[in-house]
Amino acid sequence: MIFPGNLGEYQSIDEVSLSQGELYTFVTNKNGRGKSGSLVACIKGTLSQDIANVLGKLPLGLRKSVKEVTLDMPKNMETAIKQSFPCAILVTGRFHVVKLSMEALQHIRVKYRWIELDIENNAIEQAKEKGIKYSAPVLDNGDTPKQLLARCRYILAKKASKWTKNKQ
């Protein structure tokens, strides 16, 4: 399906699995905010050539009027958009950037938690050798570093202004 009259200066493109894992690519006019008249194209599949072929049916003048296209990160979308909308700037969608950032932050948090576990295990071992009881260092909020790194996953995703005193 293609609706040339719905094309505008600002577009979005994304793939969606509608039924039984079948993927469709949707191109929408961002100015329509998802309401009636927003859908520019619904394309079966996600192959860049298929997307470009369908979007190529739009008049070239209309396609050149597109200033910006928001998309996710797969190369197939980028290739199709560059072919179809030659004058458009490509913008990676905020959701995808935030998702990647949160995954990287999670990876770092887990890495430091393992480091902290090793530090604590070594300290416990040394305390045993010396015949003393091990006592983990406690932070101002009452957590040990290991506990803090276990619990801070969702705190890190919140704005600091929304943290409780204890979380700060």
Protein backbone atom coordinates (compact mmCIF):
# COMPACT_ATOMS: atom_id res chain seq x y z
CA MET A 1 0.00 0.00 0.00
CA ILE A 2 1.24 3.45 -0.83
CA PHE A 3 -0.37 6.83 -0.18
CA PRO A 4 1.53 9.65 -1.95
CA GLY A 5 -0.82 12.32 -0.57
CA ASN A 6 0.36 11.56 2.97
CA LEU A 7 4.04 12.24 2.26
CA GLY A 8 5.52 15.21 4.11
CA GLU A 9 8.86 16.78 4.92
CA TYR A 10 9.43 14.60 8.00
CA GLN A 11 9.05 10.82 7.77
CA SER A 12 9.61 7.81 10.00
CA ILE A 13 10.36 4.28 8.88
CA ASP A 14 10.28 1.13 11.00
CA GLU A 15 9.59 -2.56 10.67
CA VAL A 16 6.81 -4.30 12.55
CA SER A 17 5.91 -7.96 12.97
CA LEU A 18 2.16 -8.06 12.39
CA SER A 19 1.24 -11.74 12.39
CA GLN A 20 3.09 -15.02 12.77
CA GLY A 21 6.47 -13.30 12.50
CA GLU A 22 5.84 -11.71 9.09
CA LEU A 23 7.69 -8.39 8.92
CA TYR A 24 6.30 -5.27 7.31
CA THR A 25 7.95 -1.91 6.82
CA PHE A 26 5.90 1.17 7.61
CA VAL A 27 6.68 4.68 6.39
CA THR A 28 4.73 7.38 8.18
CA ASN A 29 4.46 11.16 8.09
CA LYS A 30 5.68 12.40 11.48
CA ASN A 31 3.50 15.50 11.28
CA GLY A 32 0.43 13.25 11.29
CA ARG A 33 1.38 11.99 14.79
CA GLY A 34 -0.04 8.54 14.04
CA LYS A 35 -3.52 9.79 13.25
CA SER A 36 -5.52 9.38 10.04
CA GLY A 37 -3.49 10.40 7.00
CA SER A 38 -0.11 9.51 8.55
CA LEU A 39 0.56 6.29 6.64
CA VAL A 40 2.68 6.81 3.55
CA ALA A 41 3.51 3.17 2.78
CA CYS A 42 3.09 -0.33 4.14
CA ILE A 43 5.60 -2.68 2.52
CA LYS A 44 5.76 -6.43 2.98
CA GLY A 45 9.24 -7.41 4.15
CA THR A 46 12.34 -5.48 5.11
CA LEU A 47 14.68 -5.95 2.15
CA SER A 48 16.17 -2.60 1.16
CA GLN A 49 15.54 -3.19 -2.55
CA ASP A 50 11.86 -4.03 -1.91
CA ILE A 51 11.46 -0.89 0.19
CA ALA A 52 13.24 1.27 -2.40
CA ASN A 53 11.14 -0.21 -5.23
CA VAL A 54 7.88 0.65 -3.50
CA LEU A 55 8.99 4.11 -2.39
CA GLY A 56 10.36 4.70 -5.89
CA LYS A 57 6.75 4.71 -7.10
CA LEU A 58 6.27 8.03 -5.34
CA PRO A 59 6.88 11.00 -7.66
CA LEU A 60 10.53 12.12 -7.55
CA GLY A 61 9.52 15.71 -6.80
CA LEU A 62 7.66 14.56 -3.69
CA ARG A 63 10.53 12.32 -2.61
CA LYS A 64 13.01 15.19 -2.98
CA SER A 65 10.82 17.36 -0.73
CA VAL A 66 11.46 15.05 2.24
CA LYS A 67 13.90 16.83 4.57
CA GLU A 68 14.35 14.24 7.32
CA VAL A 69 13.69 10.56 7.92
CA THR A 70 13.85 9.00 11.39
CA LEU A 71 14.83 5.34 11.34
CA ASP A 72 16.36 2.62 13.45
CA MET A 73 19.86 1.30 12.92
CA PRO A 74 19.79 -1.57 10.41
CA LYS A 75 21.72 -0.85 7.21
CA ASN A 76 18.85 -2.05 5.03
CA MET A 77 16.68 0.87 6.14
CA GLU A 78 19.50 3.35 5.63
CA THR A 79 20.19 2.06 2.12
CA ALA A 80 16.51 2.16 1.14
CA ILE A 81 16.05 5.70 2.49
CA LYS A 82 19.16 7.07 0.78
CA GLN A 83 17.89 5.65 -2.53
CA SER A 84 14.31 6.79 -2.05
CA PHE A 85 14.71 10.22 -0.45
CA PRO A 86 17.95 11.65 -1.90
CA CYS A 87 17.70 15.04 -0.15
CA ALA A 88 16.73 13.77 3.29
CA ILE A 89 18.87 13.80 6.41
CA LEU A 90 18.83 10.46 8.22
CA VAL A 91 18.21 10.60 11.98
CA THR A 92 18.52 7.60 14.27
CA GLY A 93 15.42 7.26 16.42
CA ARG A 94 15.78 8.31 20.07
CA PHE A 95 14.39 5.00 21.31
CA HIS A 96 17.19 3.08 19.59
CA VAL A 97 19.93 5.38 20.87
CA VAL A 98 18.61 5.21 24.44
CA LYS A 99 18.29 1.42 24.21
CA LEU A 100 21.90 1.05 23.07
CA SER A 101 23.08 3.44 25.78
CA MET A 102 21.20 1.55 28.47
CA GLU A 103 22.62 -1.77 27.25
CA ALA A 104 26.15 -0.34 27.40
CA LEU A 105 25.53 1.05 30.89
CA GLN A 106 24.17 -2.33 32.00
CA HIS A 107 27.26 -4.06 30.61
CA ILE A 108 29.55 -1.69 32.56
CA ARG A 109 27.50 -2.10 35.76
CA VAL A 110 27.75 -5.90 35.55
CA LYS A 111 31.48 -5.69 34.83
CA TYR A 112 32.07 -3.55 37.94
CA ARG A 113 29.86 -5.83 40.02
CA TRP A 114 32.05 -8.82 39.07
CA ILE A 115 35.15 -6.78 39.95
CA GLU A 116 33.59 -5.91 43.31
CA LEU A 117 32.72 -9.58 43.91
CA ASP A 118 36.36 -10.53 43.25
CA ILE A 119 37.59 -7.81 45.61
CA GLU A 120 35.22 -8.99 48.34
CA ASN A 121 36.11 -12.67 47.84
CA ASN A 122 39.82 -11.83 48.08
CA ALA A 123 39.22 -9.76 51.23
CA ILE A 124 37.22 -12.62 52.81
CA GLU A 125 40.03 -15.04 51.99
CA GLN A 126 42.67 -12.73 53.48
CA ALA A 127 40.56 -12.24 56.62
CA LYS A 128 40.29 -16.04 57.03
CA GLU A 129 44.05 -16.40 56.69
CA LYS A 130 44.56 -13.79 59.41
CA GLY A 131 41.87 -15.38 61.57
CA ILE A 132 39.68 -12.28 61.66
CA LYS A 133 36.07 -11.77 60.74
CA TYR A 134 35.52 -10.00 57.42
CA SER A 135 33.34 -6.94 57.41
CA ALA A 136 32.44 -5.40 54.05
CA PRO A 137 32.78 -1.64 53.69
CA VAL A 138 29.43 0.11 53.98
CA LEU A 139 28.56 3.20 51.96
CA ASP A 140 26.62 6.20 53.30
CA ASN A 141 23.32 4.73 52.11
CA GLY A 142 23.90 1.47 54.04
CA ASP A 143 24.77 -0.67 51.02
CA THR A 144 28.02 -2.45 50.40
CA PRO A 145 29.54 -1.67 46.98
CA LYS A 146 28.45 -5.13 45.80
CA GLN A 147 24.86 -4.49 46.92
CA LEU A 148 24.79 -1.05 45.35
CA LEU A 149 25.95 -2.42 42.00
CA ALA A 150 23.28 -5.13 42.21
CA ARG A 151 20.48 -2.67 42.95
CA CYS A 152 21.39 0.37 40.88
CA ARG A 153 20.22 -0.97 37.51
CA TYR A 154 16.96 0.97 37.46
CA ILE A 155 18.29 3.93 39.41
CA LEU A 156 20.77 4.60 36.61
CA ALA A 157 17.91 4.83 34.12
CA LYS A 158 16.10 7.50 36.14
CA LYS A 159 16.79 11.21 36.13
CA ALA A 160 18.81 12.23 39.19
CA SER A 161 16.04 14.70 40.08
CA LYS A 162 13.69 11.71 40.62
CA TRP A 163 16.06 9.85 43.00
CA THR A 164 15.13 9.53 46.65
CA LYS A 165 17.64 10.70 49.27
CA ASN A 166 18.70 7.09 49.84
CA LYS A 167 19.25 6.53 46.10
CA GLN A 168 21.35 9.67 45.91
